[in-house]
Structures are given as C-alpha cells and as structure tokens.
Amino acid sequence: MSEYRHGRVSRPRRPWYARALRLRHLYLSNAWCVVLFEGSIALAVLMALTELVTWWVVPVLPLAVAGMVKLNDVIAGTMERYG
C-alpha cells in the first residue's frame, strides 16, 4: 500500500484532529475524529438550546474533549514505555 516518493516511503495522512492534537500513541479513524470534534460541538449546542447549560459551554466542551483525548494519548505513551 505504501508508495515510494522521492526515495521515501509515504505514510497515509492522519486526520486533521489527530494532527492538531499531535497524537503519537492513539490512532483515530476519520469517523472517530468526527464523533469527537463535531459530536462534542453538537452536544454542547443542544444542551445550550435546551437551557441545561449556558452558551459559554459551546466552545469549552470541545476543548475539554480535546484535552481528555490528549491526556489519554500521554497516558498511553507512558504505559507503553513503562508497561
């Protein structure tokens, strides 16, 4: 599956969510990236529309989800190294 380009083996591109968070140990598919990013935004908007939370939750919830994914990646790297 991999091709040679300019003397190097090309790797498949990772989803932008995984690249933005610089995930090294978690390998998320495109579907998981959509669920984590857009799903958290949709959930925050729905919760704000039903007045369960205030509107400041809309930007905070996706950031909190991204933080938890990154923390999970760091813990996975630590467990891989010492486990």
C-alpha atoms as a PDB file:
ATOM      1  CA  MET A   1       0.000   0.000   0.000  1.00  0.00           C
ATOM      2  CA  SER A   2       2.795   2.388   0.672  1.00  0.00           C
ATOM      3  CA  GLU A   3       4.416   4.046  -2.290  1.00  0.00           C
ATOM      4  CA  TYR A   4       7.904   5.348  -2.733  1.00  0.00           C
ATOM      5  CA  ARG A   5       8.094   9.071  -3.313  1.00  0.00           C
ATOM      6  CA  HIS A   6      11.429  10.757  -3.688  1.00  0.00           C
ATOM      7  CA  GLY A   7      13.186   7.822  -2.055  1.00  0.00           C
ATOM      8  CA  ARG A   8      10.902   7.805   0.991  1.00  0.00           C
ATOM      9  CA  VAL A   9       8.039   5.594   1.972  1.00  0.00           C
ATOM     10  CA  SER A  10       4.865   7.675   2.105  1.00  0.00           C
ATOM     11  CA  ARG A  11       2.560   7.121   5.037  1.00  0.00           C
ATOM     12  CA  PRO A  12      -1.197   7.601   4.928  1.00  0.00           C
ATOM     13  CA  ARG A  13      -2.264  11.040   6.126  1.00  0.00           C
ATOM     14  CA  ARG A  14      -3.725  11.130   9.579  1.00  0.00           C
ATOM     15  CA  PRO A  15      -6.965  13.027  10.214  1.00  0.00           C
ATOM     16  CA  TRP A  16      -6.515  16.737  10.979  1.00  0.00           C
ATOM     17  CA  TYR A  17      -7.892  16.301  14.510  1.00  0.00           C
ATOM     18  CA  ALA A  18      -5.129  13.807  15.341  1.00  0.00           C
ATOM     19  CA  ARG A  19      -2.504  16.027  13.702  1.00  0.00           C
ATOM     20  CA  ALA A  20      -3.754  19.139  15.505  1.00  0.00           C
ATOM     21  CA  LEU A  21      -3.528  17.387  18.875  1.00  0.00           C
ATOM     22  CA  ARG A  22      -0.176  15.810  17.872  1.00  0.00           C
ATOM     23  CA  LEU A  23      -1.331  12.364  18.930  1.00  0.00           C
ATOM     24  CA  ARG A  24       1.542   9.878  18.936  1.00  0.00           C
ATOM     25  CA  HIS A  25       0.093   6.747  20.505  1.00  0.00           C
ATOM     26  CA  LEU A  26      -3.606   6.855  19.619  1.00  0.00           C
ATOM     27  CA  TYR A  27      -4.594   6.130  16.053  1.00  0.00           C
ATOM     28  CA  LEU A  28      -8.058   7.552  15.471  1.00  0.00           C
ATOM     29  CA  SER A  29     -10.015   6.897  12.300  1.00  0.00           C
ATOM     30  CA  ASN A  30     -11.767   9.674  10.418  1.00  0.00           C
ATOM     31  CA  ALA A  31     -15.091   8.577  11.898  1.00  0.00           C
ATOM     32  CA  TRP A  32     -13.793   8.853  15.477  1.00  0.00           C
ATOM     33  CA  CYS A  33     -12.389  12.295  14.782  1.00  0.00           C
ATOM     34  CA  VAL A  34     -15.789  13.454  13.516  1.00  0.00           C
ATOM     35  CA  VAL A  35     -17.537  11.964  16.542  1.00  0.00           C
ATOM     36  CA  LEU A  36     -15.134  13.551  18.998  1.00  0.00           C
ATOM     37  CA  PHE A  37     -14.956  17.025  17.445  1.00  0.00           C
ATOM     38  CA  GLU A  38     -18.279  17.656  15.736  1.00  0.00           C
ATOM     39  CA  GLY A  39     -20.194  15.477  18.170  1.00  0.00           C
ATOM     40  CA  SER A  40     -18.976  17.495  21.137  1.00  0.00           C
ATOM     41  CA  ILE A  41     -19.969  20.730  19.381  1.00  0.00           C
ATOM     42  CA  ALA A  42     -23.410  19.344  18.536  1.00  0.00           C
ATOM     43  CA  LEU A  43     -23.911  18.125  22.093  1.00  0.00           C
ATOM     44  CA  ALA A  44     -22.893  21.493  23.522  1.00  0.00           C
ATOM     45  CA  VAL A  45     -25.261  23.371  21.186  1.00  0.00           C
ATOM     46  CA  LEU A  46     -28.147  21.041  22.026  1.00  0.00           C
ATOM     47  CA  MET A  47     -27.514  21.417  25.741  1.00  0.00           C
ATOM     48  CA  ALA A  48     -27.390  25.203  25.359  1.00  0.00           C
ATOM     49  CA  LEU A  49     -30.591  25.270  23.287  1.00  0.00           C
ATOM     50  CA  THR A  50     -32.440  23.262  25.926  1.00  0.00           C
ATOM     51  CA  GLU A  51     -31.072  25.676  28.542  1.00  0.00           C
ATOM     52  CA  LEU A  52     -29.375  22.936  30.535  1.00  0.00           C
ATOM     53  CA  VAL A  53     -26.142  24.950  30.393  1.00  0.00           C
ATOM     54  CA  THR A  54     -25.142  28.468  29.413  1.00  0.00           C
ATOM     55  CA  TRP A  55     -23.731  29.330  25.986  1.00  0.00           C
ATOM     56  CA  TRP A  56     -20.137  29.508  27.163  1.00  0.00           C
ATOM     57  CA  VAL A  57     -20.194  25.691  27.236  1.00  0.00           C
ATOM     58  CA  VAL A  58     -20.303  25.579  23.409  1.00  0.00           C
ATOM     59  CA  PRO A  59     -16.600  26.453  22.965  1.00  0.00           C
ATOM     60  CA  VAL A  60     -15.489  24.919  26.277  1.00  0.00           C
ATOM     61  CA  LEU A  61     -16.858  21.384  25.779  1.00  0.00           C
ATOM     62  CA  PRO A  62     -14.900  20.637  22.555  1.00  0.00           C
ATOM     63  CA  LEU A  63     -11.752  21.991  24.221  1.00  0.00           C
ATOM     64  CA  ALA A  64     -12.358  19.761  27.237  1.00  0.00           C
ATOM     65  CA  VAL A  65     -12.876  16.722  24.992  1.00  0.00           C
ATOM     66  CA  ALA A  66      -9.663  17.532  23.082  1.00  0.00           C
ATOM     67  CA  GLY A  67      -7.817  17.867  26.389  1.00  0.00           C
ATOM     68  CA  MET A  68      -9.047  14.466  27.539  1.00  0.00           C
ATOM     69  CA  VAL A  69      -8.038  12.843  24.239  1.00  0.00           C
ATOM     70  CA  LYS A  70      -4.551  14.362  24.541  1.00  0.00           C
ATOM     71  CA  LEU A  71      -4.299  13.230  28.173  1.00  0.00           C
ATOM     72  CA  ASN A  72      -5.285   9.712  27.083  1.00  0.00           C
ATOM     73  CA  ASP A  73      -2.526   9.826  24.449  1.00  0.00           C
ATOM     74  CA  VAL A  74       0.055  10.892  27.028  1.00  0.00           C
ATOM     75  CA  ILE A  75      -1.027   8.142  29.441  1.00  0.00           C
ATOM     76  CA  ALA A  76      -0.912   5.556  26.620  1.00  0.00           C
ATOM     77  CA  GLY A  77       2.636   6.639  25.832  1.00  0.00           C
ATOM     78  CA  THR A  78       3.658   6.356  29.470  1.00  0.00           C
ATOM     79  CA  MET A  79       2.104   2.908  29.804  1.00  0.00           C
ATOM     80  CA  GLU A  80       3.782   1.783  26.579  1.00  0.00           C
ATOM     81  CA  ARG A  81       7.167   2.935  27.838  1.00  0.00           C
ATOM     82  CA  TYR A  82       6.962   1.547  31.387  1.00  0.00           C
ATOM     83  CA  GLY A  83       4.469  -1.270  30.932  1.00  0.00           C
END
